[in-house]
Amino acid sequence: MKIKNASKSFGFTLIELLTVIAIIGTLSTVIVVSINPRTQLAKGRDTRRETDLITVLSAVYQYTSEHSGDLPDTDGNPQTSNFPTTLTCIGTDVGCFNLASAGDDETIVPVYLADIPKDPKPINEDEGDDGNTGYKIMVDTYGRLTASASGETRTVSFTR
């Protein structure tokens, strides 16, 4: 008659479980570090800034093309222009250019834009609202428009 070994057990040892947990922890740490979600989110917001600046420049160019090449301004005199010639913040604060209400017979908002875009995560506390959108605009002596913003990973700027 044969006697079966009744002491045989099934399962994992503590060492095997700890080894698997250590391997999974190491792999997850390597993946999180390589992806770096904070940098990826910052790059996403910089892409949003690019889109906003292109939208603003397109609206100004559309206004200009429909008004005999005149830039939108806020001085109320169609013979002169107070469009900024140095990088100036866009907004309603003192020292900023109020692009939303710029234009002689038609204003940029709501005719060309539903609203002036604002920086998604401004660098400075006083930016990101109607007073100071966090974006800047200017026209140079050659008539080229430049829009700029301080990004999180780089400075975002377009000249057309």
C-alpha atoms as a PDB file:
ATOM      1  CA  MET A   1       0.000   0.000   0.000  1.00  0.00           C
ATOM      2  CA  LYS A   2       1.298   3.493  -0.957  1.00  0.00           C
ATOM      3  CA  ILE A   3       1.044   6.462   1.356  1.00  0.00           C
ATOM      4  CA  LYS A   4       0.479   9.858  -0.265  1.00  0.00           C
ATOM      5  CA  ASN A   5       2.413  12.876   0.963  1.00  0.00           C
ATOM      6  CA  ALA A   6      -0.256  14.933   2.746  1.00  0.00           C
ATOM      7  CA  SER A   7       2.072  17.796   3.600  1.00  0.00           C
ATOM      8  CA  LYS A   8       2.247  19.131   0.018  1.00  0.00           C
ATOM      9  CA  SER A   9       0.919  22.728  -0.119  1.00  0.00           C
ATOM     10  CA  PHE A  10      -0.064  24.952  -3.017  1.00  0.00           C
ATOM     11  CA  GLY A  11       0.539  28.728  -3.291  1.00  0.00           C
ATOM     12  CA  PHE A  12       3.306  31.284  -3.351  1.00  0.00           C
ATOM     13  CA  THR A  13       5.983  31.830  -0.817  1.00  0.00           C
ATOM     14  CA  LEU A  14       6.478  35.200   0.834  1.00  0.00           C
ATOM     15  CA  ILE A  15       9.747  35.718  -1.066  1.00  0.00           C
ATOM     16  CA  GLU A  16       8.009  35.161  -4.420  1.00  0.00           C
ATOM     17  CA  LEU A  17       5.263  37.667  -3.594  1.00  0.00           C
ATOM     18  CA  LEU A  18       7.741  40.324  -2.425  1.00  0.00           C
ATOM     19  CA  THR A  19       9.839  39.833  -5.578  1.00  0.00           C
ATOM     20  CA  VAL A  20       6.820  40.354  -7.868  1.00  0.00           C
ATOM     21  CA  ILE A  21       5.707  43.441  -5.910  1.00  0.00           C
ATOM     22  CA  ALA A  22       9.229  44.914  -6.148  1.00  0.00           C
ATOM     23  CA  ILE A  23       9.365  44.323  -9.914  1.00  0.00           C
ATOM     24  CA  ILE A  24       5.925  45.938 -10.466  1.00  0.00           C
ATOM     25  CA  GLY A  25       6.899  48.921  -8.279  1.00  0.00           C
ATOM     26  CA  THR A  26      10.143  49.445 -10.197  1.00  0.00           C
ATOM     27  CA  LEU A  27       8.411  49.249 -13.583  1.00  0.00           C
ATOM     28  CA  SER A  28       5.664  51.697 -12.559  1.00  0.00           C
ATOM     29  CA  THR A  29       8.242  54.174 -11.226  1.00  0.00           C
ATOM     30  CA  VAL A  30      10.205  54.020 -14.475  1.00  0.00           C
ATOM     31  CA  ILE A  31       7.041  54.578 -16.542  1.00  0.00           C
ATOM     32  CA  VAL A  32       5.827  57.546 -14.451  1.00  0.00           C
ATOM     33  CA  VAL A  33       9.263  59.189 -14.539  1.00  0.00           C
ATOM     34  CA  SER A  34       9.600  58.733 -18.302  1.00  0.00           C
ATOM     35  CA  ILE A  35       6.116  60.101 -19.032  1.00  0.00           C
ATOM     36  CA  ASN A  36       6.435  63.025 -16.556  1.00  0.00           C
ATOM     37  CA  PRO A  37       2.799  64.168 -16.417  1.00  0.00           C
ATOM     38  CA  ARG A  38       3.659  67.667 -15.171  1.00  0.00           C
ATOM     39  CA  THR A  39       5.764  68.384 -18.278  1.00  0.00           C
ATOM     40  CA  GLN A  40       3.165  66.864 -20.558  1.00  0.00           C
ATOM     41  CA  LEU A  41       0.436  69.091 -19.080  1.00  0.00           C
ATOM     42  CA  ALA A  42       2.676  72.161 -19.432  1.00  0.00           C
ATOM     43  CA  LYS A  43       3.307  71.323 -23.100  1.00  0.00           C
ATOM     44  CA  GLY A  44      -0.443  70.949 -23.594  1.00  0.00           C
ATOM     45  CA  ARG A  45      -1.073  74.408 -22.150  1.00  0.00           C
ATOM     46  CA  ASP A  46       1.664  75.853 -24.395  1.00  0.00           C
ATOM     47  CA  THR A  47      -0.125  74.316 -27.370  1.00  0.00           C
ATOM     48  CA  ARG A  48      -3.328  76.008 -26.180  1.00  0.00           C
ATOM     49  CA  ARG A  49      -1.427  79.316 -26.033  1.00  0.00           C
ATOM     50  CA  GLU A  50      -0.293  78.798 -29.640  1.00  0.00           C
ATOM     51  CA  THR A  51      -3.871  78.201 -30.748  1.00  0.00           C
ATOM     52  CA  ASP A  52      -5.101  81.277 -28.862  1.00  0.00           C
ATOM     53  CA  LEU A  53      -2.421  83.521 -30.395  1.00  0.00           C
ATOM     54  CA  ILE A  54      -3.147  82.269 -33.910  1.00  0.00           C
ATOM     55  CA  THR A  55      -6.856  82.918 -33.296  1.00  0.00           C
ATOM     56  CA  VAL A  56      -6.159  86.488 -32.139  1.00  0.00           C
ATOM     57  CA  LEU A  57      -3.879  87.216 -35.112  1.00  0.00           C
ATOM     58  CA  SER A  58      -6.413  85.751 -37.533  1.00  0.00           C
ATOM     59  CA  ALA A  59      -9.185  87.943 -36.111  1.00  0.00           C
ATOM     60  CA  VAL A  60      -7.024  91.078 -36.415  1.00  0.00           C
ATOM     61  CA  TYR A  61      -6.062  90.170 -39.992  1.00  0.00           C
ATOM     62  CA  GLN A  62      -9.676  89.511 -40.906  1.00  0.00           C
ATOM     63  CA  TYR A  63     -10.637  92.920 -39.502  1.00  0.00           C
ATOM     64  CA  THR A  64      -7.755  94.539 -41.392  1.00  0.00           C
ATOM     65  CA  SER A  65      -8.688  92.912 -44.692  1.00  0.00           C
ATOM     66  CA  GLU A  66     -12.295  94.057 -44.356  1.00  0.00           C
ATOM     67  CA  HIS A  67     -11.339  97.646 -43.418  1.00  0.00           C
ATOM     68  CA  SER A  68      -8.968  98.717 -46.207  1.00  0.00           C
ATOM     69  CA  GLY A  69      -5.850  97.573 -44.359  1.00  0.00           C
ATOM     70  CA  ASP A  70      -6.568  99.584 -41.205  1.00  0.00           C
ATOM     71  CA  LEU A  71      -5.754  97.922 -37.893  1.00  0.00           C
ATOM     72  CA  PRO A  72      -8.395  97.947 -35.174  1.00  0.00           C
ATOM     73  CA  ASP A  73      -7.792 100.721 -32.661  1.00  0.00           C
ATOM     74  CA  THR A  74      -9.490 102.337 -29.699  1.00  0.00           C
ATOM     75  CA  ASP A  75      -8.825 106.034 -30.258  1.00  0.00           C
ATOM     76  CA  GLY A  76     -12.142 106.699 -32.027  1.00  0.00           C
ATOM     77  CA  ASN A  77     -10.458 108.454 -34.963  1.00  0.00           C
ATOM     78  CA  PRO A  78     -10.370 106.479 -38.243  1.00  0.00           C
ATOM     79  CA  GLN A  79      -7.515 108.708 -39.489  1.00  0.00           C
ATOM     80  CA  THR A  80      -5.113 107.624 -36.714  1.00  0.00           C
ATOM     81  CA  SER A  81      -4.232 104.358 -35.045  1.00  0.00           C
ATOM     82  CA  ASN A  82      -3.234 103.605 -31.491  1.00  0.00           C
ATOM     83  CA  PHE A  83      -2.529  99.925 -32.160  1.00  0.00           C
ATOM     84  CA  PRO A  84       0.551  99.083 -30.037  1.00  0.00           C
ATOM     85  CA  THR A  85       3.975  99.285 -31.681  1.00  0.00           C
ATOM     86  CA  THR A  86       5.690  97.509 -28.773  1.00  0.00           C
ATOM     87  CA  LEU A  87       4.600  94.278 -27.128  1.00  0.00           C
ATOM     88  CA  THR A  88       1.635  95.336 -25.016  1.00  0.00           C
ATOM     89  CA  CYS A  89      -0.672  93.180 -22.929  1.00  0.00           C
ATOM     90  CA  ILE A  90      -4.173  92.531 -24.244  1.00  0.00           C
ATOM     91  CA  GLY A  91      -6.888  93.445 -21.751  1.00  0.00           C
ATOM     92  CA  THR A  92      -8.836  96.200 -20.067  1.00  0.00           C
ATOM     93  CA  ASP A  93      -6.249  97.122 -17.406  1.00  0.00           C
ATOM     94  CA  VAL A  94      -4.418 100.442 -17.600  1.00  0.00           C
ATOM     95  CA  GLY A  95      -1.421  99.996 -19.869  1.00  0.00           C
ATOM     96  CA  CYS A  96      -3.021  97.118 -21.778  1.00  0.00           C
ATOM     97  CA  PHE A  97      -4.565  97.342 -25.247  1.00  0.00           C
ATOM     98  CA  ASN A  98      -8.307  96.647 -25.158  1.00  0.00           C
ATOM     99  CA  LEU A  99      -8.464  94.519 -28.308  1.00  0.00           C
ATOM    100  CA  ALA A 100     -11.998  93.327 -27.522  1.00  0.00           C
ATOM    101  CA  SER A 101     -13.461  96.799 -28.060  1.00  0.00           C
ATOM    102  CA  ALA A 102     -11.005  97.846 -30.786  1.00  0.00           C
ATOM    103  CA  GLY A 103     -12.410  98.865 -34.137  1.00  0.00           C
ATOM    104  CA  ASP A 104     -14.042 101.918 -35.626  1.00  0.00           C
ATOM    105  CA  ASP A 105     -17.410 100.646 -36.840  1.00  0.00           C
ATOM    106  CA  GLU A 106     -17.158  96.966 -35.859  1.00  0.00           C
ATOM    107  CA  THR A 107     -15.399  95.714 -32.764  1.00  0.00           C
ATOM    108  CA  ILE A 108     -13.257  92.595 -32.599  1.00  0.00           C
ATOM    109  CA  VAL A 109     -15.610  91.081 -29.995  1.00  0.00           C
ATOM    110  CA  PRO A 110     -18.240  89.877 -30.902  1.00  0.00           C
ATOM    111  CA  VAL A 111     -17.877  90.357 -34.669  1.00  0.00           C
ATOM    112  CA  TYR A 112     -14.539  88.551 -35.212  1.00  0.00           C
ATOM    113  CA  LEU A 113     -14.136  86.656 -31.933  1.00  0.00           C
ATOM    114  CA  ALA A 114     -16.733  85.432 -29.454  1.00  0.00           C
ATOM    115  CA  ASP A 115     -14.380  86.465 -26.645  1.00  0.00           C
ATOM    116  CA  ILE A 116     -10.711  87.319 -26.223  1.00  0.00           C
ATOM    117  CA  PRO A 117      -8.877  84.132 -25.166  1.00  0.00           C
ATOM    118  CA  LYS A 118      -7.067  84.086 -21.837  1.00  0.00           C
ATOM    119  CA  ASP A 119      -3.911  82.286 -20.748  1.00  0.00           C
ATOM    120  CA  PRO A 120      -4.865  78.831 -19.382  1.00  0.00           C
ATOM    121  CA  LYS A 121      -2.352  78.995 -16.501  1.00  0.00           C
ATOM    122  CA  PRO A 122      -0.727  82.413 -16.279  1.00  0.00           C
ATOM    123  CA  ILE A 123       2.785  82.779 -14.930  1.00  0.00           C
ATOM    124  CA  ASN A 124       1.933  86.005 -13.035  1.00  0.00           C
ATOM    125  CA  GLU A 125      -0.944  86.432 -10.588  1.00  0.00           C
ATOM    126  CA  ASP A 126      -2.347  89.523 -12.314  1.00  0.00           C
ATOM    127  CA  GLU A 127      -2.838  87.747 -15.671  1.00  0.00           C
ATOM    128  CA  GLY A 128      -5.416  85.378 -17.087  1.00  0.00           C
ATOM    129  CA  ASP A 129      -8.527  87.535 -16.817  1.00  0.00           C
ATOM    130  CA  ASP A 130     -10.242  90.307 -18.805  1.00  0.00           C
ATOM    131  CA  GLY A 131      -7.945  92.933 -17.281  1.00  0.00           C
ATOM    132  CA  ASN A 132      -4.799  91.221 -18.551  1.00  0.00           C
ATOM    133  CA  THR A 133      -5.248  88.081 -20.635  1.00  0.00           C
ATOM    134  CA  GLY A 134      -1.592  87.074 -20.362  1.00  0.00           C
ATOM    135  CA  TYR A 135      -1.137  87.580 -24.110  1.00  0.00           C
ATOM    136  CA  LYS A 136       0.701  90.455 -25.810  1.00  0.00           C
ATOM    137  CA  ILE A 137       0.368  92.000 -29.261  1.00  0.00           C
ATOM    138  CA  MET A 138       2.110  94.602 -31.428  1.00  0.00           C
ATOM    139  CA  VAL A 139       2.642  95.762 -35.000  1.00  0.00           C
ATOM    140  CA  ASP A 140       6.156  96.575 -36.227  1.00  0.00           C
ATOM    141  CA  THR A 141       7.235  99.306 -38.641  1.00  0.00           C
ATOM    142  CA  TYR A 142       6.805  96.903 -41.577  1.00  0.00           C
ATOM    143  CA  GLY A 143       3.183  96.169 -40.699  1.00  0.00           C
ATOM    144  CA  ARG A 144       3.829  92.664 -39.344  1.00  0.00           C
ATOM    145  CA  LEU A 145       1.761  91.625 -36.358  1.00  0.00           C
ATOM    146  CA  THR A 146       3.353  89.795 -33.450  1.00  0.00           C
ATOM    147  CA  ALA A 147       1.481  88.013 -30.682  1.00  0.00           C
ATOM    148  CA  SER A 148       3.342  86.522 -27.744  1.00  0.00           C
ATOM    149  CA  ALA A 149       2.839  84.711 -24.444  1.00  0.00           C
ATOM    150  CA  SER A 150       5.085  83.443 -21.671  1.00  0.00           C
ATOM    151  CA  GLY A 151       4.751  79.686 -21.829  1.00  0.00           C
ATOM    152  CA  GLU A 152       5.681  77.148 -19.195  1.00  0.00           C
ATOM    153  CA  THR A 153       8.204  75.280 -21.338  1.00  0.00           C
ATOM    154  CA  ARG A 154       9.091  78.074 -23.785  1.00  0.00           C
ATOM    155  CA  THR A 155       8.031  81.517 -24.977  1.00  0.00           C
ATOM    156  CA  VAL A 156       5.237  81.245 -27.528  1.00  0.00           C
ATOM    157  CA  SER A 157       5.370  83.885 -30.244  1.00  0.00           C
ATOM    158  CA  PHE A 158       4.007  84.329 -33.749  1.00  0.00           C
ATOM    159  CA  THR A 159       4.759  87.012 -36.314  1.00  0.00           C
ATOM    160  CA  ARG A 160       2.732  87.395 -39.482  1.00  0.00           C
END
